[in-house]
PDB file of all heavy atoms in Angstrom:
ATOM      1  N   MET A   1      11.815   5.522  52.302  1.00  0.00           N
ATOM      2  CA  MET A   1      11.163   4.215  52.341  1.00  0.00           C
ATOM      3  C   MET A   1      10.378   4.114  53.709  1.00  0.00           C
ATOM      4  O   MET A   1      10.980   4.484  54.752  1.00  0.00           O
ATOM      5  CB  MET A   1      12.228   3.125  52.405  1.00  0.00           C
ATOM      6  CG  MET A   1      11.756   1.665  52.436  1.00  0.00           C
ATOM      7  SD  MET A   1      13.061   0.536  52.518  1.00  0.00           S
ATOM      8  CE  MET A   1      12.063  -1.123  52.390  1.00  0.00           C
ATOM      9  N   VAL A   2       9.197   3.659  53.501  1.00  0.00           N
ATOM     10  CA  VAL A   2       8.293   3.451  54.737  1.00  0.00           C
ATOM     11  C   VAL A   2       8.335   1.915  54.932  1.00  0.00           C
ATOM     12  O   VAL A   2       8.017   1.114  54.047  1.00  0.00           O
ATOM     13  CB  VAL A   2       6.865   3.962  54.571  1.00  0.00           C
ATOM     14  CG1 VAL A   2       5.977   3.439  55.719  1.00  0.00           C
ATOM     15  CG2 VAL A   2       6.894   5.459  54.384  1.00  0.00           C
ATOM     16  N   ILE A   3       8.628   1.416  56.217  1.00  0.00           N
ATOM     17  CA  ILE A   3       8.524   0.068  56.594  1.00  0.00           C
ATOM     18  C   ILE A   3       7.482  -0.035  57.628  1.00  0.00           C
ATOM     19  O   ILE A   3       7.653   0.419  58.767  1.00  0.00           O
ATOM     20  CB  ILE A   3       9.912  -0.368  57.044  1.00  0.00           C
ATOM     21  CG1 ILE A   3      11.001  -0.224  56.065  1.00  0.00           C
ATOM     22  CG2 ILE A   3       9.746  -1.959  57.485  1.00  0.00           C
ATOM     23  CD1 ILE A   3      12.421  -0.690  56.608  1.00  0.00           C
ATOM     24  N   GLY A   4       6.355  -0.736  57.247  1.00  0.00           N
ATOM     25  CA  GLY A   4       5.218  -0.759  58.160  1.00  0.00           C
ATOM     26  C   GLY A   4       5.251  -2.182  58.731  1.00  0.00           C
ATOM     27  O   GLY A   4       5.475  -3.171  58.062  1.00  0.00           O
ATOM     28  N   THR A   5       4.876  -2.295  60.005  1.00  0.00           N
ATOM     29  CA  THR A   5       4.735  -3.687  60.640  1.00  0.00           C
ATOM     30  C   THR A   5       3.299  -3.750  61.180  1.00  0.00           C
ATOM     31  O   THR A   5       2.697  -2.814  61.602  1.00  0.00           O
ATOM     32  CB  THR A   5       5.750  -3.873  61.790  1.00  0.00           C
ATOM     33  OG1 THR A   5       5.359  -3.104  62.947  1.00  0.00           O
ATOM     34  CG2 THR A   5       7.126  -3.512  61.333  1.00  0.00           C
ATOM     35  N   GLN A   6       2.797  -5.012  61.212  1.00  0.00           N
ATOM     36  CA  GLN A   6       1.515  -5.332  61.834  1.00  0.00           C
ATOM     37  C   GLN A   6       1.380  -6.744  62.153  1.00  0.00           C
ATOM     38  O   GLN A   6       2.085  -7.575  61.566  1.00  0.00           O
ATOM     39  CB  GLN A   6       0.315  -4.856  60.948  1.00  0.00           C
ATOM     40  CG  GLN A   6       0.203  -5.604  59.586  1.00  0.00           C
ATOM     41  CD  GLN A   6      -0.987  -5.161  58.860  1.00  0.00           C
ATOM     42  OE1 GLN A   6      -1.742  -4.173  59.281  1.00  0.00           O
ATOM     43  NE2 GLN A   6      -1.292  -5.770  57.725  1.00  0.00           N
ATOM     44  N   ASN A   7       0.646  -7.058  63.172  1.00  0.00           N
ATOM     45  CA  ASN A   7       0.390  -8.404  63.610  1.00  0.00           C
ATOM     46  C   ASN A   7      -0.988  -8.905  63.038  1.00  0.00           C
ATOM     47  O   ASN A   7      -2.015  -8.396  63.434  1.00  0.00           O
ATOM     48  CB  ASN A   7       0.344  -8.546  65.168  1.00  0.00           C
ATOM     49  CG  ASN A   7       1.610  -8.013  65.737  1.00  0.00           C
ATOM     50  OD1 ASN A   7       2.751  -8.226  65.219  1.00  0.00           O
ATOM     51  ND2 ASN A   7       1.526  -7.388  66.946  1.00  0.00           N
ATOM     52  N   PRO A   8      -1.011  -9.903  62.246  1.00  0.00           N
ATOM     53  CA  PRO A   8      -2.263 -10.351  61.621  1.00  0.00           C
ATOM     54  C   PRO A   8      -3.157 -11.088  62.543  1.00  0.00           C
ATOM     55  O   PRO A   8      -4.361 -11.260  62.350  1.00  0.00           O
ATOM     56  CB  PRO A   8      -1.804 -11.191  60.479  1.00  0.00           C
ATOM     57  CG  PRO A   8      -0.544 -11.841  60.940  1.00  0.00           C
ATOM     58  CD  PRO A   8       0.142 -10.644  61.740  1.00  0.00           C
ATOM     59  N   VAL A   9      -2.686 -11.564  63.714  1.00  0.00           N
ATOM     60  CA  VAL A   9      -3.459 -12.432  64.629  1.00  0.00           C
ATOM     61  C   VAL A   9      -3.927 -11.599  65.842  1.00  0.00           C
ATOM     62  O   VAL A   9      -4.767 -12.080  66.603  1.00  0.00           O
ATOM     63  CB  VAL A   9      -2.673 -13.639  65.134  1.00  0.00           C
ATOM     64  CG1 VAL A   9      -2.328 -14.500  63.919  1.00  0.00           C
ATOM     65  CG2 VAL A   9      -1.385 -13.220  65.848  1.00  0.00           C
ATOM     66  N   GLU A  10      -3.457 -10.410  66.002  1.00  0.00           N
ATOM     67  CA  GLU A  10      -3.814  -9.628  67.199  1.00  0.00           C
ATOM     68  C   GLU A  10      -4.589  -8.402  66.582  1.00  0.00           C
ATOM     69  O   GLU A  10      -4.159  -7.271  66.524  1.00  0.00           O
ATOM     70  CB  GLU A  10      -2.506  -9.124  67.826  1.00  0.00           C
ATOM     71  CG  GLU A  10      -2.786  -8.472  69.176  1.00  0.00           C
ATOM     72  CD  GLU A  10      -1.461  -8.081  69.857  1.00  0.00           C
ATOM     73  OE1 GLU A  10      -0.424  -8.265  69.337  1.00  0.00           O
ATOM     74  OE2 GLU A  10      -1.561  -7.353  70.959  1.00  0.00           O
ATOM     75  N   MET A  11      -5.896  -8.674  66.327  1.00  0.00           N
ATOM     76  CA  MET A  11      -6.685  -7.694  65.587  1.00  0.00           C
ATOM     77  C   MET A  11      -7.524  -6.863  66.505  1.00  0.00           C
ATOM     78  O   MET A  11      -8.385  -5.960  65.915  1.00  0.00           O
ATOM     79  CB  MET A  11      -7.540  -8.424  64.491  1.00  0.00           C
ATOM     80  CG  MET A  11      -6.683  -9.136  63.498  1.00  0.00           C
ATOM     81  SD  MET A  11      -5.461  -8.173  62.657  1.00  0.00           S
ATOM     82  CE  MET A  11      -6.491  -7.133  61.680  1.00  0.00           C
ATOM     83  N   GLU A  12      -7.689  -7.125  67.738  1.00  0.00           N
ATOM     84  CA  GLU A  12      -8.525  -6.362  68.624  1.00  0.00           C
ATOM     85  C   GLU A  12      -8.030  -4.866  68.700  1.00  0.00           C
ATOM     86  O   GLU A  12      -6.890  -4.629  68.971  1.00  0.00           O
ATOM     87  CB  GLU A  12      -8.603  -6.926  70.002  1.00  0.00           C
ATOM     88  CG  GLU A  12      -9.285  -8.378  70.110  1.00  0.00           C
ATOM     89  CD  GLU A  12      -8.358  -9.438  69.727  1.00  0.00           C
ATOM     90  OE1 GLU A  12      -7.186  -9.144  69.512  1.00  0.00           O
ATOM     91  OE2 GLU A  12      -8.857 -10.614  69.712  1.00  0.00           O
ATOM     92  N   GLY A  13      -8.990  -3.938  68.448  1.00  0.00           N
ATOM     93  CA  GLY A  13      -8.628  -2.580  68.689  1.00  0.00           C
ATOM     94  C   GLY A  13      -7.756  -2.045  67.425  1.00  0.00           C
ATOM     95  O   GLY A  13      -7.011  -1.095  67.604  1.00  0.00           O
ATOM     96  N   THR A  14      -7.865  -2.684  66.296  1.00  0.00           N
ATOM     97  CA  THR A  14      -7.009  -2.274  65.134  1.00  0.00           C
ATOM     98  C   THR A  14      -7.950  -1.866  64.043  1.00  0.00           C
ATOM     99  O   THR A  14      -9.191  -2.104  63.960  1.00  0.00           O
ATOM    100  CB  THR A  14      -6.140  -3.406  64.597  1.00  0.00           C
ATOM    101  OG1 THR A  14      -7.009  -4.509  64.229  1.00  0.00           O
ATOM    102  CG2 THR A  14      -5.232  -3.915  65.721  1.00  0.00           C
ATOM    103  N   TYR A  15      -7.367  -1.260  62.993  1.00  0.00           N
ATOM    104  CA  TYR A  15      -8.117  -0.714  61.835  1.00  0.00           C
ATOM    105  C   TYR A  15      -7.420  -1.340  60.695  1.00  0.00           C
ATOM    106  O   TYR A  15      -6.261  -0.871  60.304  1.00  0.00           O
ATOM    107  CB  TYR A  15      -8.033   0.890  61.866  1.00  0.00           C
ATOM    108  CG  TYR A  15      -8.591   1.531  62.983  1.00  0.00           C
ATOM    109  CD1 TYR A  15      -7.810   1.777  64.130  1.00  0.00           C
ATOM    110  CD2 TYR A  15      -9.930   1.879  63.075  1.00  0.00           C
ATOM    111  CE1 TYR A  15      -8.305   2.459  65.240  1.00  0.00           C
ATOM    112  CE2 TYR A  15     -10.421   2.473  64.293  1.00  0.00           C
ATOM    113  CZ  TYR A  15      -9.604   2.855  65.220  1.00  0.00           C
ATOM    114  OH  TYR A  15     -10.182   3.465  66.410  1.00  0.00           O
ATOM    115  N   PRO A  16      -7.993  -2.347  60.004  1.00  0.00           N
ATOM    116  CA  PRO A  16      -7.331  -2.939  58.865  1.00  0.00           C
ATOM    117  C   PRO A  16      -7.018  -1.958  57.779  1.00  0.00           C
ATOM    118  O   PRO A  16      -7.750  -1.022  57.529  1.00  0.00           O
ATOM    119  CB  PRO A  16      -8.411  -3.952  58.317  1.00  0.00           C
ATOM    120  CG  PRO A  16      -9.321  -4.225  59.558  1.00  0.00           C
ATOM    121  CD  PRO A  16      -9.312  -2.895  60.349  1.00  0.00           C
ATOM    122  N   LEU A  17      -5.892  -2.076  57.152  1.00  0.00           N
ATOM    123  CA  LEU A  17      -5.391  -1.136  56.160  1.00  0.00           C
ATOM    124  C   LEU A  17      -6.311  -1.272  54.920  1.00  0.00           C
ATOM    125  O   LEU A  17      -6.579  -2.325  54.553  1.00  0.00           O
ATOM    126  CB  LEU A  17      -3.942  -1.534  55.673  1.00  0.00           C
ATOM    127  CG  LEU A  17      -2.829  -1.375  56.697  1.00  0.00           C
ATOM    128  CD1 LEU A  17      -1.523  -1.716  56.034  1.00  0.00           C
ATOM    129  CD2 LEU A  17      -2.806   0.033  57.268  1.00  0.00           C
ATOM    130  N   PRO A  18      -6.818  -0.121  54.425  1.00  0.00           N
ATOM    131  CA  PRO A  18      -7.706  -0.224  53.287  1.00  0.00           C
ATOM    132  C   PRO A  18      -6.950  -0.540  51.940  1.00  0.00           C
ATOM    133  O   PRO A  18      -5.679  -0.479  51.957  1.00  0.00           O
ATOM    134  CB  PRO A  18      -8.257   1.274  53.147  1.00  0.00           C
ATOM    135  CG  PRO A  18      -7.163   2.157  53.851  1.00  0.00           C
ATOM    136  CD  PRO A  18      -6.610   1.199  54.966  1.00  0.00           C
ATOM    137  N   GLU A  19      -7.608  -0.974  50.957  1.00  0.00           N
ATOM    138  CA  GLU A  19      -6.937  -1.364  49.738  1.00  0.00           C
ATOM    139  C   GLU A  19      -5.963  -0.323  49.131  1.00  0.00           C
ATOM    140  O   GLU A  19      -4.904  -0.745  48.694  1.00  0.00           O
ATOM    141  CB  GLU A  19      -7.980  -1.803  48.644  1.00  0.00           C
ATOM    142  CG  GLU A  19      -8.784  -3.077  48.935  1.00  0.00           C
ATOM    143  CD  GLU A  19      -9.826  -2.871  50.133  1.00  0.00           C
ATOM    144  OE1 GLU A  19     -10.179  -1.790  50.343  1.00  0.00           O
ATOM    145  OE2 GLU A  19     -10.162  -3.930  50.680  1.00  0.00           O
ATOM    146  N   ALA A  20      -6.390   0.939  49.226  1.00  0.00           N
ATOM    147  CA  ALA A  20      -5.478   1.996  48.624  1.00  0.00           C
ATOM    148  C   ALA A  20      -4.185   2.160  49.434  1.00  0.00           C
ATOM    149  O   ALA A  20      -3.138   2.355  48.882  1.00  0.00           O
ATOM    150  CB  ALA A  20      -6.232   3.378  48.744  1.00  0.00           C
ATOM    151  N   GLN A  21      -4.264   1.798  50.709  1.00  0.00           N
ATOM    152  CA  GLN A  21      -2.985   1.833  51.569  1.00  0.00           C
ATOM    153  C   GLN A  21      -2.146   0.625  51.269  1.00  0.00           C
ATOM    154  O   GLN A  21      -0.968   0.744  51.015  1.00  0.00           O
ATOM    155  CB  GLN A  21      -3.401   1.929  52.970  1.00  0.00           C
ATOM    156  CG  GLN A  21      -2.151   2.014  53.974  1.00  0.00           C
ATOM    157  CD  GLN A  21      -1.458   3.427  53.910  1.00  0.00           C
ATOM    158  OE1 GLN A  21      -2.030   4.307  54.295  1.00  0.00           O
ATOM    159  NE2 GLN A  21      -0.289   3.420  53.383  1.00  0.00           N
ATOM    160  N   ARG A  22      -2.751  -0.430  51.188  1.00  0.00           N
ATOM    161  CA  ARG A  22      -2.019  -1.762  50.927  1.00  0.00           C
ATOM    162  C   ARG A  22      -1.390  -1.703  49.538  1.00  0.00           C
ATOM    163  O   ARG A  22      -0.312  -2.196  49.328  1.00  0.00           O
ATOM    164  CB  ARG A  22      -2.928  -3.040  51.108  1.00  0.00           C
ATOM    165  CG  ARG A  22      -3.441  -3.190  52.489  1.00  0.00           C
ATOM    166  CD  ARG A  22      -4.439  -4.358  52.598  1.00  0.00           C
ATOM    167  NE  ARG A  22      -3.776  -5.631  52.494  1.00  0.00           N
ATOM    168  CZ  ARG A  22      -3.292  -6.268  53.564  1.00  0.00           C
ATOM    169  NH1 ARG A  22      -3.416  -5.710  54.748  1.00  0.00           N
ATOM    170  NH2 ARG A  22      -2.697  -7.462  53.475  1.00  0.00           N
ATOM    171  N   ASP A  23      -2.072  -1.069  48.620  1.00  0.00           N
ATOM    172  CA  ASP A  23      -1.575  -1.067  47.224  1.00  0.00           C
ATOM    173  C   ASP A  23      -0.257  -0.208  47.165  1.00  0.00           C
ATOM    174  O   ASP A  23       0.498  -0.336  46.234  1.00  0.00           O
ATOM    175  CB  ASP A  23      -2.648  -0.553  46.343  1.00  0.00           C
ATOM    176  CG  ASP A  23      -2.331  -0.872  44.884  1.00  0.00           C
ATOM    177  OD1 ASP A  23      -1.970  -2.025  44.592  1.00  0.00           O
ATOM    178  OD2 ASP A  23      -2.531  -0.013  43.997  1.00  0.00           O
ATOM    179  N   ARG A  24      -0.103   0.731  48.104  1.00  0.00           N
ATOM    180  CA  ARG A  24       1.075   1.531  48.046  1.00  0.00           C
ATOM    181  C   ARG A  24       2.370   0.849  48.611  1.00  0.00           C
ATOM    182  O   ARG A  24       3.439   1.358  48.438  1.00  0.00           O
ATOM    183  CB  ARG A  24       0.796   2.956  48.773  1.00  0.00           C
ATOM    184  CG  ARG A  24       0.085   3.893  47.952  1.00  0.00           C
ATOM    185  CD  ARG A  24      -0.490   5.035  48.704  1.00  0.00           C
ATOM    186  NE  ARG A  24      -0.916   6.174  47.874  1.00  0.00           N
ATOM    187  CZ  ARG A  24      -2.078   6.126  47.267  1.00  0.00           C
ATOM    188  NH1 ARG A  24      -2.913   5.096  47.303  1.00  0.00           N
ATOM    189  NH2 ARG A  24      -2.472   7.213  46.524  1.00  0.00           N
ATOM    190  N   PHE A  25       2.128  -0.280  49.366  1.00  0.00           N
ATOM    191  CA  PHE A  25       3.272  -0.984  49.824  1.00  0.00           C
ATOM    192  C   PHE A  25       3.762  -1.930  48.683  1.00  0.00           C
ATOM    193  O   PHE A  25       2.942  -2.724  48.183  1.00  0.00           O
ATOM    194  CB  PHE A  25       2.816  -1.875  50.966  1.00  0.00           C
ATOM    195  CG  PHE A  25       2.848  -1.089  52.417  1.00  0.00           C
ATOM    196  CD1 PHE A  25       1.650  -0.672  52.918  1.00  0.00           C
ATOM    197  CD2 PHE A  25       4.011  -0.759  52.948  1.00  0.00           C
ATOM    198  CE1 PHE A  25       1.626   0.025  54.074  1.00  0.00           C
ATOM    199  CE2 PHE A  25       4.028  -0.049  54.150  1.00  0.00           C
ATOM    200  CZ  PHE A  25       2.739   0.379  54.662  1.00  0.00           C
ATOM    201  N   THR A  26       4.921  -1.784  48.331  1.00  0.00           N
ATOM    202  CA  THR A  26       5.430  -2.507  47.166  1.00  0.00           C
ATOM    203  C   THR A  26       5.491  -3.991  47.307  1.00  0.00           C
ATOM    204  O   THR A  26       5.148  -4.721  46.484  1.00  0.00           O
ATOM    205  CB  THR A  26       6.955  -2.077  46.878  1.00  0.00           C
ATOM    206  OG1 THR A  26       7.015  -0.593  46.735  1.00  0.00           O
ATOM    207  CG2 THR A  26       7.492  -2.676  45.693  1.00  0.00           C
ATOM    208  N   ALA A  27       5.718  -4.415  48.594  1.00  0.00           N
ATOM    209  CA  ALA A  27       5.807  -5.824  48.837  1.00  0.00           C
ATOM    210  C   ALA A  27       5.390  -6.138  50.278  1.00  0.00           C
ATOM    211  O   ALA A  27       5.596  -5.247  51.178  1.00  0.00           O
ATOM    212  CB  ALA A  27       7.248  -6.422  48.553  1.00  0.00           C
ATOM    213  N   ARG A  28       4.899  -7.322  50.592  1.00  0.00           N
ATOM    214  CA  ARG A  28       4.670  -7.751  51.956  1.00  0.00           C
ATOM    215  C   ARG A  28       5.573  -8.948  52.237  1.00  0.00           C
ATOM    216  O   ARG A  28       5.803  -9.801  51.466  1.00  0.00           O
ATOM    217  CB  ARG A  28       3.237  -8.248  52.055  1.00  0.00           C
ATOM    218  CG  ARG A  28       2.889  -8.640  53.478  1.00  0.00           C
ATOM    219  CD  ARG A  28       1.379  -9.181  53.630  1.00  0.00           C
ATOM    220  NE  ARG A  28       1.182 -10.253  52.721  1.00  0.00           N
ATOM    221  CZ  ARG A  28      -0.014 -10.926  52.582  1.00  0.00           C
ATOM    222  NH1 ARG A  28      -1.044 -10.366  53.330  1.00  0.00           N
ATOM    223  NH2 ARG A  28      -0.193 -11.931  51.763  1.00  0.00           N
ATOM    224  N   LEU A  29       6.109  -8.854  53.413  1.00  0.00           N
ATOM    225  CA  LEU A  29       7.109  -9.822  53.913  1.00  0.00           C
ATOM    226  C   LEU A  29       6.602 -10.455  55.190  1.00  0.00           C
ATOM    227  O   LEU A  29       6.076  -9.751  56.141  1.00  0.00           O
ATOM    228  CB  LEU A  29       8.383  -9.135  54.153  1.00  0.00           C
ATOM    229  CG  LEU A  29       9.531  -9.925  54.834  1.00  0.00           C
ATOM    230  CD1 LEU A  29       9.985 -11.071  54.086  1.00  0.00           C
ATOM    231  CD2 LEU A  29      10.712  -8.997  55.128  1.00  0.00           C
ATOM    232  N   SER A  30       6.614 -11.849  55.229  1.00  0.00           N
ATOM    233  CA  SER A  30       6.460 -12.604  56.365  1.00  0.00           C
ATOM    234  C   SER A  30       7.670 -13.272  56.873  1.00  0.00           C
ATOM    235  O   SER A  30       8.255 -14.069  56.050  1.00  0.00           O
ATOM    236  CB  SER A  30       5.283 -13.608  56.167  1.00  0.00           C
ATOM    237  OG  SER A  30       4.081 -12.992  55.959  1.00  0.00           O
ATOM    238  N   ILE A  31       8.215 -12.922  58.003  1.00  0.00           N
ATOM    239  CA  ILE A  31       9.487 -13.454  58.464  1.00  0.00           C
ATOM    240  C   ILE A  31       9.409 -14.900  58.757  1.00  0.00           C
ATOM    241  O   ILE A  31      10.281 -15.717  58.369  1.00  0.00           O
ATOM    242  CB  ILE A  31      10.022 -12.623  59.635  1.00  0.00           C
ATOM    243  CG1 ILE A  31      10.192 -11.195  59.130  1.00  0.00           C
ATOM    244  CG2 ILE A  31      11.313 -13.233  60.190  1.00  0.00           C
ATOM    245  CD1 ILE A  31      10.773 -10.240  60.224  1.00  0.00           C
TER     246      ILE A  31
END
């Protein structure tokens, strides 16, 4: 299992995940 974390509001110097990558994540969780 891969558990990826990211901050949606701190986007400077980041590379947004492409659609193919996001589609491989089964679910997205916001705590």
